[in-house]
Amino acid sequence: MSVVLPAPAESYDVVVVGSGAAGLTAAVTAAAGGSSVLVLEKASRLGGTSAVGGGVIWAPGNHLMAEAGFADRAEDARSYLAAGSGGRMSAAEIDRYVRTAPDAVRFLTGDGVRMRPLARPDYHPTWAGAARGRGLDQEPFDPGPWPGLADRLRSPTYLPLITMGERDELAGAAPDAALLQQRAERGVRTMGGALVGRLVVAALRRGVDVVAECPVTGLDRDGAGWIVTAGGRGIHTDAVVLASGGFEWNPALRRAFLPYPVTPISAPSNTGDGLVLGLGAGGAVDEMTAVWGVPVLAPPTAVYDGQPSGRMGNVELTLPGSVAVNTAGRRFVNEAANYHDLNRAFGAVDPGTGRFANVPAYLVFDRTYLERYPVAGSTPGVAEPWMHAANTPGELARALQIDPDGLADTLYRFNEHARRGADPDFARGASPQDRHLGDPSAQPNPCLAPVERAPFYAVPVHPGVLGTAGGLATDADGRVLDHGNDPIGGLYAAGNCAATLFRDMYPGGGATLGSAIVRAYRAGAHLTAGA
């Protein structure tokens, strides 16, 4: 069983562009239905953004929830999505997701993907139908039994070699160094790397051909089928699945479609290739301003694939003893809110200046916070050179070129209420979702503590993306639609090069992969339905 072929054959039933979770799910599903399948990956390693992310899949009503004792009902999941989408998701779209997600999970687990429910609440626990356990975590994966596989998977970025469940239990503390070293020595993958690793194995077992370092440069009609140009040669196929990720690393596409500047922390190979191929084939687009948003901390040490990158900052913003402020020195958001909705605050425009009101922004914390928690991977108690430091809030504000009076007023008010465990301004720590990533040793509110012990520190907080969420418009089965809203024969899209199923909503941890895998599973099944 070869991990990666040196070159593809001349023809296949299905060609999949991209080797992330969406592409591999479509490939495995189509192969299970009897199709010959080729997966093409332009990068030298497999997995795309899926391999470097958290790997959680939001899938209400799946069988793993029931086995773990988490109650869920289809009608509750429908109510929850209806409450959150505000009518943007139709009843048919909601029902389709709720019905398909459990089937996709059962199929993937039957093909060797190993997951378990997280005890996390949905990101909006006050909405009707909210529940715990809908996010599925990936169990650690050892690629040792498949020689060469470890070297073919994308390396992790900043995320440590622990599961999301293990990360949740840390309450902001650093993971066990001995465990990390042991897993690294064995080549073990966790989170998204574990998901991709098992999907690659499932694909190979199903007879899928996988070719890396083979960018697709052309997509042309060939009668009822297609010719895919890759690696300087034409490959004949009946159907194509575009699953090559978003366009967040393409500056021109970002400027054209996104409403504010972002810092991507995904795979730098996501430059919109699939989107451009689909547009060239006559495909329409949808939800092009949508992103999978996240606040990002970007120390100069954050580099991936030779590109400046960053790290999710939602844990640092949630933990007690910190505040996020804009250049007026004012708080502007509940720092413990879910990362996607928190990120929306960066798009607010000051009508007086016409500029973004909350860009730039800073995470401000004190010595107590520094001693307790890692900041963007730092060692607790160690002030890194890239952290701004000062003996007083006023000195810190002047160094940052933010309003000293505004910061002083903010800290005075915040500290007075934080001592009592309250936040009347933004209700930080008031919901189970907020408290989930807080520090339970901080009472009465695990997300609140005064910022008052000198010296004081600050690091920039950037609007960031896990990936873009807008892309090619598709029908219920993942077929790319043309500008007349008709499906283009034999052309499918899934993952971040297709428009999000959630219409720019983020229901819970794992929404990105949930949208990707549900559509990819439907596409793969539709490809073989008439075979």
Protein backbone atom coordinates (compact mmCIF):
# COMPACT_ATOMS: atom_id res chain seq x y z
CA MET A 1 0.00 0.00 0.00
CA SER A 2 1.88 3.05 -1.29
CA VAL A 3 1.30 6.18 0.74
CA VAL A 4 1.74 8.52 -2.26
CA LEU A 5 2.02 7.51 -5.92
CA PRO A 6 4.79 9.07 -8.02
CA ALA A 7 2.32 9.87 -10.84
CA PRO A 8 -1.40 9.39 -11.56
CA ALA A 9 -2.96 7.12 -14.15
CA GLU A 10 -4.52 8.50 -17.34
CA SER A 11 -8.17 8.31 -16.27
CA TYR A 12 -10.38 7.92 -13.20
CA ASP A 13 -14.07 8.02 -12.39
CA VAL A 14 -13.46 10.83 -9.89
CA VAL A 15 -10.61 13.30 -9.40
CA VAL A 16 -10.47 15.15 -6.07
CA VAL A 17 -8.46 18.37 -5.86
CA GLY A 18 -7.11 18.79 -2.32
CA SER A 19 -6.20 16.35 0.47
CA GLY A 20 -7.84 17.96 3.50
CA ALA A 21 -10.72 16.40 5.42
CA ALA A 22 -13.27 17.45 2.78
CA GLY A 23 -11.32 16.03 -0.14
CA LEU A 24 -10.46 12.79 1.62
CA THR A 25 -14.02 12.30 2.88
CA ALA A 26 -15.37 12.73 -0.65
CA ALA A 27 -12.70 10.37 -1.98
CA VAL A 28 -13.38 7.63 0.58
CA THR A 29 -17.14 7.91 0.15
CA ALA A 30 -16.91 7.73 -3.65
CA ALA A 31 -14.46 4.81 -3.49
CA ALA A 32 -16.79 2.97 -1.12
CA GLY A 33 -19.45 3.30 -3.81
CA GLY A 34 -17.23 1.62 -6.38
CA SER A 35 -15.57 4.58 -8.12
CA SER A 36 -11.92 4.76 -9.08
CA VAL A 37 -10.63 7.88 -7.35
CA LEU A 38 -7.55 10.10 -7.55
CA VAL A 39 -6.64 12.74 -4.94
CA LEU A 40 -4.30 15.51 -6.11
CA GLU A 41 -2.43 17.69 -3.62
CA LYS A 42 -0.26 20.63 -4.72
CA ALA A 43 1.79 20.76 -1.50
CA SER A 44 4.48 18.25 -0.65
CA ARG A 45 2.57 17.06 2.39
CA LEU A 46 -1.03 15.95 2.81
CA GLY A 47 -3.84 17.38 4.84
CA GLY A 48 -4.11 21.09 4.11
CA THR A 49 -5.60 23.20 6.87
CA SER A 50 -7.42 20.19 8.31
CA ALA A 51 -4.09 18.68 9.32
CA VAL A 52 -2.98 21.78 11.24
CA GLY A 53 -6.27 22.61 12.96
CA GLY A 54 -8.11 21.34 15.99
CA GLY A 55 -9.82 18.46 14.20
CA VAL A 56 -13.19 18.86 15.95
CA ILE A 57 -16.34 18.03 13.96
CA TRP A 58 -19.69 19.58 14.97
CA ALA A 59 -22.21 16.80 14.32
CA PRO A 60 -25.46 16.88 16.33
CA GLY A 61 -27.25 13.63 17.03
CA ASN A 62 -24.35 11.32 16.20
CA HIS A 63 -24.14 7.81 17.66
CA LEU A 64 -20.95 8.57 19.62
CA MET A 65 -22.85 11.15 21.67
CA ALA A 66 -25.45 8.61 22.67
CA GLU A 67 -22.78 6.05 23.58
CA ALA A 68 -21.06 8.63 25.80
CA GLY A 69 -24.29 9.61 27.57
CA PHE A 70 -24.92 12.96 25.87
CA ALA A 71 -28.59 13.39 25.07
CA ASP A 72 -29.55 15.00 21.78
CA ARG A 73 -32.62 15.06 19.60
CA ALA A 74 -32.95 15.98 15.95
CA GLU A 75 -35.69 18.49 16.74
CA ASP A 76 -33.40 20.22 19.26
CA ALA A 77 -30.61 20.50 16.71
CA ARG A 78 -33.05 21.93 14.17
CA SER A 79 -34.30 24.47 16.71
CA TYR A 80 -30.75 25.48 17.57
CA LEU A 81 -29.73 26.08 13.95
CA ALA A 82 -32.96 27.92 13.25
CA ALA A 83 -32.42 30.18 16.26
CA GLY A 84 -28.88 31.01 15.20
CA SER A 85 -29.32 31.46 11.48
CA GLY A 86 -32.12 33.99 11.76
CA GLY A 87 -33.77 32.53 8.68
CA ARG A 88 -30.64 32.52 6.52
CA MET A 89 -30.51 28.72 6.64
CA SER A 90 -33.72 27.37 5.15
CA ALA A 91 -35.70 24.67 6.93
CA ALA A 92 -34.62 22.25 4.20
CA GLU A 93 -30.93 23.13 4.65
CA ILE A 94 -31.19 22.70 8.41
CA ASP A 95 -32.97 19.38 8.12
CA ARG A 96 -30.44 18.14 5.59
CA TYR A 97 -27.52 18.95 7.89
CA VAL A 98 -29.17 17.38 10.94
CA ARG A 99 -29.96 14.20 8.98
CA THR A 100 -26.61 13.91 7.19
CA ALA A 101 -24.15 14.65 10.00
CA PRO A 102 -24.88 11.43 11.97
CA ASP A 103 -24.66 9.35 8.78
CA ALA A 104 -21.30 10.91 7.89
CA VAL A 105 -19.94 10.24 11.38
CA ARG A 106 -21.10 6.63 11.30
CA PHE A 107 -19.53 6.13 7.88
CA LEU A 108 -16.19 7.65 8.91
CA THR A 109 -15.98 5.67 12.16
CA GLY A 110 -16.79 2.55 10.18
CA ASP A 111 -13.76 3.32 8.01
CA GLY A 112 -11.41 3.70 10.96
CA VAL A 113 -11.72 7.34 12.09
CA ARG A 114 -11.68 7.35 15.90
CA MET A 115 -13.46 10.17 17.71
CA ARG A 116 -15.10 10.90 21.01
CA PRO A 117 -17.52 13.64 22.12
CA LEU A 118 -16.22 16.66 23.97
CA ALA A 119 -18.12 17.87 27.00
CA ARG A 120 -18.13 21.38 25.55
CA PRO A 121 -21.39 23.28 25.33
CA ASP A 122 -22.56 24.70 22.03
CA TYR A 123 -21.27 28.22 21.48
CA HIS A 124 -24.68 29.77 22.16
CA PRO A 125 -26.06 27.83 25.14
CA THR A 126 -29.00 30.20 25.55
CA TRP A 127 -30.41 29.42 22.11
CA ALA A 128 -33.28 26.94 21.92
CA GLY A 129 -32.04 23.39 21.42
CA ALA A 130 -28.46 23.96 22.60
CA ALA A 131 -26.63 20.90 23.94
CA ARG A 132 -23.29 19.49 25.05
CA GLY A 133 -21.27 16.82 23.28
CA ARG A 134 -21.97 17.73 19.66
CA GLY A 135 -18.28 18.45 18.99
CA LEU A 136 -16.23 15.31 18.25
CA ASP A 137 -12.57 15.16 19.24
CA GLN A 138 -9.96 13.04 17.44
CA GLU A 139 -8.16 10.31 19.36
CA PRO A 140 -4.34 10.20 18.98
CA PHE A 141 -3.13 8.52 15.80
CA ASP A 142 0.13 6.56 15.47
CA PRO A 143 1.20 6.39 11.81
CA GLY A 144 3.92 3.85 12.60
CA PRO A 145 2.18 0.82 11.01
CA TRP A 146 2.12 2.66 7.64
CA PRO A 147 5.75 3.30 6.60
CA GLY A 148 6.25 6.69 5.05
CA LEU A 149 2.90 8.12 6.18
CA ALA A 150 4.31 10.28 8.98
CA ASP A 151 6.60 12.05 6.53
CA ARG A 152 3.72 12.66 4.13
CA LEU A 153 1.40 14.35 6.63
CA ARG A 154 1.60 18.08 7.25
CA SER A 155 3.54 18.84 10.39
CA PRO A 156 1.65 20.43 13.28
CA THR A 157 1.84 24.19 13.70
CA TYR A 158 1.74 25.67 17.18
CA LEU A 159 -0.87 23.24 18.51
CA PRO A 160 0.71 20.79 20.97
CA LEU A 161 0.48 17.03 20.52
CA ILE A 162 -2.54 16.64 22.77
CA THR A 163 -6.20 16.04 22.08
CA MET A 164 -8.75 18.81 22.41
CA GLY A 165 -10.16 17.00 25.42
CA GLU A 166 -6.73 17.02 27.07
CA ARG A 167 -6.36 20.70 26.18
CA ASP A 168 -9.69 21.57 27.77
CA GLU A 169 -8.60 19.95 31.03
CA LEU A 170 -5.48 22.13 31.30
CA ALA A 171 -7.43 25.27 32.33
CA GLY A 172 -4.83 27.42 30.58
CA ALA A 173 -1.79 25.61 32.00
CA ALA A 174 1.04 24.26 29.82
CA PRO A 175 0.76 20.60 28.71
CA ASP A 176 2.96 17.89 30.16
CA ALA A 177 6.38 18.16 28.49
CA ALA A 178 7.18 14.46 28.92
CA LEU A 179 3.94 13.45 27.18
CA LEU A 180 4.65 15.81 24.30
CA GLN A 181 8.18 14.46 23.87
CA GLN A 182 6.98 10.86 23.97
CA ARG A 183 4.37 11.48 21.29
CA ALA A 184 6.78 13.46 19.13
CA GLU A 185 9.37 10.68 19.24
CA ARG A 186 6.76 8.15 18.12
CA GLY A 187 5.40 10.43 15.40
CA VAL A 188 1.95 10.46 16.98
CA ARG A 189 -0.56 12.97 15.56
CA THR A 190 -3.43 14.56 17.41
CA MET A 191 -6.30 16.92 16.60
CA GLY A 192 -6.53 17.59 12.84
CA GLY A 193 -3.40 15.60 12.12
CA ALA A 194 -5.03 12.51 13.62
CA LEU A 195 -8.17 13.01 11.52
CA VAL A 196 -6.23 13.41 8.28
CA GLY A 197 -3.93 10.51 9.09
CA ARG A 198 -6.82 8.12 9.55
CA LEU A 199 -8.61 9.46 6.46
CA VAL A 200 -5.48 8.87 4.36
CA VAL A 201 -5.34 5.29 5.64
CA ALA A 202 -9.03 4.82 4.87
CA ALA A 203 -8.51 6.19 1.35
CA LEU A 204 -5.56 3.90 0.66
CA ARG A 205 -7.47 0.89 1.94
CA ARG A 206 -10.28 1.77 -0.47
CA GLY A 207 -7.84 1.87 -3.37
CA VAL A 208 -7.72 5.63 -3.77
CA ASP A 209 -4.62 6.95 -5.54
CA VAL A 210 -3.00 9.90 -3.78
CA VAL A 211 -0.46 12.14 -5.52
CA ALA A 212 1.33 15.02 -3.76
CA GLU A 213 3.33 17.91 -5.25
CA CYS A 214 0.96 17.88 -8.20
CA PRO A 215 -0.85 21.24 -8.53
CA VAL A 216 -3.89 21.40 -10.79
CA THR A 217 -3.42 24.08 -13.43
CA GLY A 218 -6.36 23.45 -15.73
CA LEU A 219 -9.95 22.20 -15.75
CA ASP A 220 -11.62 21.76 -19.14
CA ARG A 221 -14.69 20.08 -20.52
CA ASP A 222 -14.19 16.76 -22.30
CA GLY A 223 -17.61 15.80 -23.67
CA ALA A 224 -19.67 14.75 -20.67
CA GLY A 225 -16.55 14.59 -18.49
CA TRP A 226 -13.47 16.67 -17.72
CA ILE A 227 -9.78 16.91 -18.38
CA VAL A 228 -7.82 17.87 -15.29
CA THR A 229 -4.37 19.26 -16.08
CA ALA A 230 -1.93 18.44 -13.31
CA GLY A 231 1.80 17.92 -13.26
CA GLY A 232 1.98 18.86 -16.93
CA ARG A 233 -0.41 16.14 -18.13
CA GLY A 234 -4.10 15.74 -18.78
CA ILE A 235 -6.15 13.31 -16.69
CA HIS A 236 -9.56 12.21 -17.98
CA THR A 237 -12.37 11.91 -15.45
CA ASP A 238 -16.14 11.74 -15.26
CA ALA A 239 -16.34 14.01 -12.22
CA VAL A 240 -14.22 16.49 -10.26
CA VAL A 241 -14.48 17.45 -6.60
CA LEU A 242 -12.85 20.80 -5.81
CA ALA A 243 -11.73 20.66 -2.17
CA SER A 244 -8.54 22.69 -2.13
CA GLY A 245 -9.24 25.03 0.77
CA GLY A 246 -10.04 28.73 0.96
CA PHE A 247 -8.38 31.85 -0.40
CA GLU A 248 -7.09 33.41 2.83
CA TRP A 249 -3.44 33.36 1.66
CA ASN A 250 -4.21 35.14 -1.60
CA PRO A 251 -3.84 38.91 -1.01
CA ALA A 252 -5.71 39.88 -4.17
CA LEU A 253 -8.72 37.71 -3.37
CA ARG A 254 -8.72 38.91 0.24
CA ARG A 255 -8.82 42.53 -0.90
CA ALA A 256 -11.59 41.73 -3.36
CA PHE A 257 -13.92 39.91 -1.00
CA LEU A 258 -13.16 40.31 2.71
CA PRO A 259 -14.54 43.30 4.63
CA TYR A 260 -11.46 43.83 6.83
CA PRO A 261 -7.79 42.75 6.93
CA VAL A 262 -7.11 39.36 8.49
CA THR A 263 -4.17 37.29 9.67
CA PRO A 264 -4.51 33.69 8.41
CA ILE A 265 -3.24 30.82 10.55
CA SER A 266 -4.09 27.99 8.15
CA ALA A 267 -1.98 26.15 5.57
CA PRO A 268 -0.21 28.75 3.37
CA SER A 269 -1.06 26.63 0.33
CA ASN A 270 -4.65 27.95 0.58
CA THR A 271 -4.47 30.50 -2.22
CA GLY A 272 -7.88 29.94 -3.81
CA ASP A 273 -6.88 27.48 -6.54
CA GLY A 274 -10.16 25.55 -6.43
CA LEU A 275 -12.19 28.73 -6.40
CA VAL A 276 -10.40 30.03 -9.50
CA LEU A 277 -10.82 26.68 -11.29
CA GLY A 278 -14.53 26.65 -10.46
CA LEU A 279 -15.02 30.22 -11.63
CA GLY A 280 -13.29 29.36 -14.88
CA ALA A 281 -15.70 26.47 -15.36
CA GLY A 282 -18.67 28.81 -15.00
CA GLY A 283 -19.39 28.34 -11.32
CA ALA A 284 -21.23 30.93 -9.24
CA VAL A 285 -20.16 31.98 -5.73
CA ASP A 286 -21.89 32.61 -2.42
CA GLU A 287 -21.10 33.97 1.06
CA MET A 288 -17.84 35.47 -0.22
CA THR A 289 -17.39 37.86 2.73
CA ALA A 290 -17.67 35.06 5.29
CA VAL A 291 -14.70 33.72 7.25
CA TRP A 292 -14.12 31.20 10.01
CA GLY A 293 -12.94 33.95 12.33
CA VAL A 294 -10.62 33.81 15.32
CA PRO A 295 -8.60 36.34 17.35
CA VAL A 296 -4.91 35.80 16.60
CA LEU A 297 -1.73 36.42 18.57
CA ALA A 298 1.18 36.77 16.15
CA PRO A 299 4.59 36.86 17.87
CA PRO A 300 7.54 37.09 15.47
CA THR A 301 8.36 33.47 16.26
CA ALA A 302 5.07 32.31 14.68
CA VAL A 303 6.19 31.03 11.28
CA TYR A 304 4.73 28.12 9.29
CA ASP A 305 5.90 26.85 5.91
CA GLY A 306 8.26 29.81 5.84
CA GLN A 307 5.38 32.29 6.15
CA PRO A 308 4.59 34.64 9.08
CA SER A 309 1.61 33.15 10.86
CA GLY A 310 0.02 33.26 14.30
CA ARG A 311 -1.86 31.38 16.98
CA MET A 312 -5.43 31.26 18.20
CA GLY A 313 -5.70 33.68 21.11
CA ASN A 314 -9.11 32.73 22.46
CA VAL A 315 -7.76 30.90 25.52
CA GLU A 316 -5.52 33.83 26.51
CA LEU A 317 -8.46 36.23 26.16
CA THR A 318 -10.72 34.00 28.26
CA LEU A 319 -8.41 33.43 31.23
CA PRO A 320 -8.79 35.69 34.29
CA GLY A 321 -6.52 38.69 34.73
CA SER A 322 -6.58 40.13 31.24
CA VAL A 323 -8.59 42.56 29.10
CA ALA A 324 -8.70 43.36 25.39
CA VAL A 325 -8.69 47.07 24.54
CA ASN A 326 -8.64 49.26 21.44
CA THR A 327 -6.58 52.40 20.87
CA ALA A 328 -9.05 54.37 22.97
CA GLY A 329 -8.03 52.14 25.86
CA ARG A 330 -11.55 50.74 26.02
CA ARG A 331 -12.85 47.20 26.09
CA PHE A 332 -15.02 46.42 23.07
CA VAL A 333 -16.13 42.79 23.45
CA ASN A 334 -16.70 39.92 25.85
CA GLU A 335 -13.20 38.45 25.72
CA ALA A 336 -14.51 34.98 26.62
CA ALA A 337 -17.04 34.86 23.79
CA ASN A 338 -16.62 32.13 21.20
CA TYR A 339 -13.76 32.99 18.88
CA HIS A 340 -15.84 33.31 15.70
CA ASP A 341 -18.30 35.84 17.08
CA LEU A 342 -15.59 37.67 19.03
CA ASN A 343 -13.71 38.17 15.78
CA ARG A 344 -16.69 40.03 14.29
CA ALA A 345 -15.98 42.93 16.66
CA PHE A 346 -12.89 43.77 14.62
CA GLY A 347 -15.10 44.71 11.69
CA ALA A 348 -16.81 47.57 13.56
CA VAL A 349 -16.21 50.97 11.95
CA ASP A 350 -15.98 54.22 13.91
CA PRO A 351 -18.44 56.53 12.09
CA GLY A 352 -16.47 59.55 13.24
CA THR A 353 -13.25 58.52 11.54
CA GLY A 354 -14.42 55.96 8.98
CA ARG A 355 -11.73 53.60 10.26
CA PHE A 356 -11.95 50.30 12.06
CA ALA A 357 -12.70 51.08 15.70
CA ASN A 358 -10.99 48.02 17.18
CA VAL A 359 -7.96 47.56 14.94
CA PRO A 360 -5.34 47.56 16.33
CA ALA A 361 -6.25 45.94 19.64
CA TYR A 362 -4.20 44.67 22.56
CA LEU A 363 -4.42 42.01 25.22
CA VAL A 364 -3.40 43.70 28.48
CA PHE A 365 -2.43 41.58 31.50
CA ASP A 366 -0.40 41.82 34.68
CA ARG A 367 2.40 39.97 36.44
CA THR A 368 0.05 37.50 38.13
CA TYR A 369 -1.36 36.48 34.75
CA LEU A 370 2.13 36.16 33.24
CA GLU A 371 3.23 33.89 36.10
CA ARG A 372 0.24 31.56 35.73
CA TYR A 373 -0.44 31.16 32.02
CA PRO A 374 1.38 30.72 28.71
CA VAL A 375 0.85 33.57 26.26
CA ALA A 376 1.13 32.54 22.60
CA GLY A 377 3.27 29.58 23.66
CA SER A 378 5.46 31.44 26.15
CA THR A 379 6.73 29.86 29.36
CA PRO A 380 4.69 31.00 32.38
CA GLY A 381 6.67 33.56 34.33
CA VAL A 382 8.90 34.53 31.40
CA ALA A 383 8.36 37.91 29.75
CA GLU A 384 9.22 37.48 26.08
CA PRO A 385 10.96 40.27 24.12
CA TRP A 386 7.87 40.66 21.91
CA MET A 387 5.68 41.52 24.90
CA HIS A 388 5.28 45.21 25.68
CA ALA A 389 6.05 45.82 29.38
CA ALA A 390 5.76 48.82 31.70
CA ASN A 391 5.58 49.56 35.41
CA THR A 392 2.26 51.41 35.20
CA PRO A 393 -0.80 51.26 32.92
CA GLY A 394 -0.08 54.83 31.85
CA GLU A 395 3.44 53.99 30.72
CA LEU A 396 2.13 50.94 28.90
CA ALA A 397 -0.54 52.99 27.14
CA ARG A 398 1.94 55.61 25.97
CA ALA A 399 4.28 52.91 24.65
CA LEU A 400 1.38 51.41 22.69
CA GLN A 401 0.13 54.82 21.53
CA ILE A 402 -3.28 54.28 23.07
CA ASP A 403 -5.24 56.66 25.29
CA PRO A 404 -3.73 56.51 28.84
CA ASP A 405 -6.86 57.92 30.47
CA GLY A 406 -9.04 55.46 28.62
CA LEU A 407 -6.94 52.51 29.76
CA ALA A 408 -6.79 53.78 33.36
CA ASP A 409 -10.58 54.19 33.47
CA THR A 410 -11.08 50.76 31.90
CA LEU A 411 -8.85 48.98 34.40
CA TYR A 412 -10.35 50.80 37.37
CA ARG A 413 -13.89 49.81 36.41
CA PHE A 414 -12.94 46.29 35.33
CA ASN A 415 -10.97 45.59 38.51
CA GLU A 416 -13.73 46.83 40.82
CA HIS A 417 -16.21 44.41 39.31
CA ALA A 418 -13.74 41.55 38.72
CA ARG A 419 -13.07 41.30 42.45
CA ARG A 420 -16.75 40.41 42.83
CA GLY A 421 -16.73 38.08 39.83
CA ALA A 422 -18.97 40.34 37.75
CA ASP A 423 -18.76 42.05 34.36
CA PRO A 424 -21.76 44.36 33.91
CA ASP A 425 -20.35 45.72 30.66
CA PHE A 426 -19.93 42.52 28.62
CA ALA A 427 -21.07 39.64 30.89
CA ARG A 428 -17.72 37.86 30.61
CA GLY A 429 -17.94 34.49 32.30
CA ALA A 430 -21.72 34.55 32.61
CA SER A 431 -22.39 31.59 30.30
CA PRO A 432 -21.24 27.95 30.35
CA GLN A 433 -19.50 28.55 27.00
CA ASP A 434 -17.45 31.39 28.50
CA ARG A 435 -16.49 29.42 31.59
CA HIS A 436 -15.48 26.28 29.71
CA LEU A 437 -11.99 27.60 28.91
CA GLY A 438 -11.61 29.64 32.09
CA ASP A 439 -9.54 28.80 35.15
CA PRO A 440 -11.72 26.98 37.71
CA SER A 441 -9.35 28.02 40.50
CA ALA A 442 -10.46 31.62 39.99
CA GLN A 443 -13.65 32.10 41.97
CA PRO A 444 -16.42 33.13 41.82
CA ASN A 445 -15.88 33.64 38.09
CA PRO A 446 -13.26 31.53 36.24
CA CYS A 447 -12.90 34.22 33.56
CA LEU A 448 -12.35 37.26 35.81
CA ALA A 449 -9.56 38.58 38.01
CA PRO A 450 -8.22 42.13 38.50
CA VAL A 451 -5.41 43.43 36.29
CA GLU A 452 -3.48 45.31 38.98
CA ARG A 453 -0.08 43.81 39.81
CA ALA A 454 2.94 45.50 38.20
CA PRO A 455 4.59 45.17 35.83
CA PHE A 456 1.90 45.32 33.17
CA TYR A 457 2.14 43.68 29.76
CA ALA A 458 0.42 43.83 26.38
CA VAL A 459 0.50 41.93 23.10
CA PRO A 460 -1.34 42.80 19.87
CA VAL A 461 -4.54 40.92 19.07
CA HIS A 462 -5.31 40.61 15.36
CA PRO A 463 -8.49 39.74 13.49
CA GLY A 464 -7.67 36.32 12.10
CA VAL A 465 -9.09 33.41 10.17
CA LEU A 466 -8.92 29.65 10.35
CA GLY A 467 -9.96 29.89 6.72
CA THR A 468 -12.30 31.74 4.42
CA ALA A 469 -15.87 30.41 4.48
CA GLY A 470 -17.21 31.74 1.17
CA GLY A 471 -16.73 30.07 -2.15
CA LEU A 472 -18.42 28.18 -4.94
CA ALA A 473 -22.19 27.90 -4.72
CA THR A 474 -23.44 24.31 -4.58
CA ASP A 475 -26.70 22.42 -4.42
CA ALA A 476 -27.76 19.98 -1.70
CA ASP A 477 -25.40 17.31 -3.02
CA GLY A 478 -22.34 19.47 -3.48
CA ARG A 479 -22.74 20.05 -7.23
CA VAL A 480 -21.35 23.41 -8.29
CA LEU A 481 -24.07 25.75 -9.56
CA ASP A 482 -23.73 28.04 -12.54
CA HIS A 483 -24.99 31.63 -12.67
CA GLY A 484 -28.43 30.38 -13.66
CA ASN A 485 -28.56 28.27 -10.47
CA ASP A 486 -28.28 25.03 -12.43
CA PRO A 487 -25.75 22.31 -11.52
CA ILE A 488 -22.67 22.00 -13.71
CA GLY A 489 -22.50 18.35 -14.74
CA GLY A 490 -19.77 16.37 -13.00
CA LEU A 491 -18.38 19.31 -10.99
CA TYR A 492 -18.58 19.29 -7.19
CA ALA A 493 -17.07 21.40 -4.39
CA ALA A 494 -16.60 20.88 -0.67
CA GLY A 495 -14.65 22.36 2.20
CA ASN A 496 -13.54 25.98 2.26
CA CYS A 497 -13.53 26.43 -1.50
CA ALA A 498 -17.33 26.02 -1.30
CA ALA A 499 -19.69 28.41 0.48
CA THR A 500 -20.31 27.54 4.14
CA LEU A 501 -23.40 25.48 4.86
CA PHE A 502 -24.01 27.59 7.96
CA ARG A 503 -24.48 30.92 6.16
CA ASP A 504 -21.80 32.68 8.24
CA MET A 505 -23.09 31.22 11.52
CA TYR A 506 -20.81 29.31 13.90
CA PRO A 507 -22.97 26.95 15.98
CA GLY A 508 -20.21 25.26 17.96
CA GLY A 509 -16.64 24.03 18.06
CA GLY A 510 -16.02 22.05 14.88
CA ALA A 511 -18.40 23.99 12.64
CA THR A 512 -15.70 24.40 9.98
CA LEU A 513 -15.04 20.67 9.63
CA GLY A 514 -18.70 19.86 10.16
CA SER A 515 -19.67 21.92 7.13
CA ALA A 516 -16.80 20.45 5.11
CA ILE A 517 -17.39 16.81 5.94
CA VAL A 518 -21.19 16.85 5.63
CA ARG A 519 -21.04 18.37 2.14
CA ALA A 520 -18.14 16.12 1.07
CA TYR A 521 -19.98 13.02 2.29
CA ARG A 522 -23.09 14.03 0.34
CA ALA A 523 -20.99 14.75 -2.76
CA GLY A 524 -19.22 11.39 -2.57
CA ALA A 525 -22.51 9.57 -2.10
CA HIS A 526 -24.17 11.43 -4.98
CA LEU A 527 -21.26 10.62 -7.30
CA THR A 528 -21.96 6.91 -6.98
CA ALA A 529 -25.73 6.92 -6.43
CA GLY A 530 -26.45 5.95 -10.02
CA ALA A 531 -23.48 3.66 -10.48
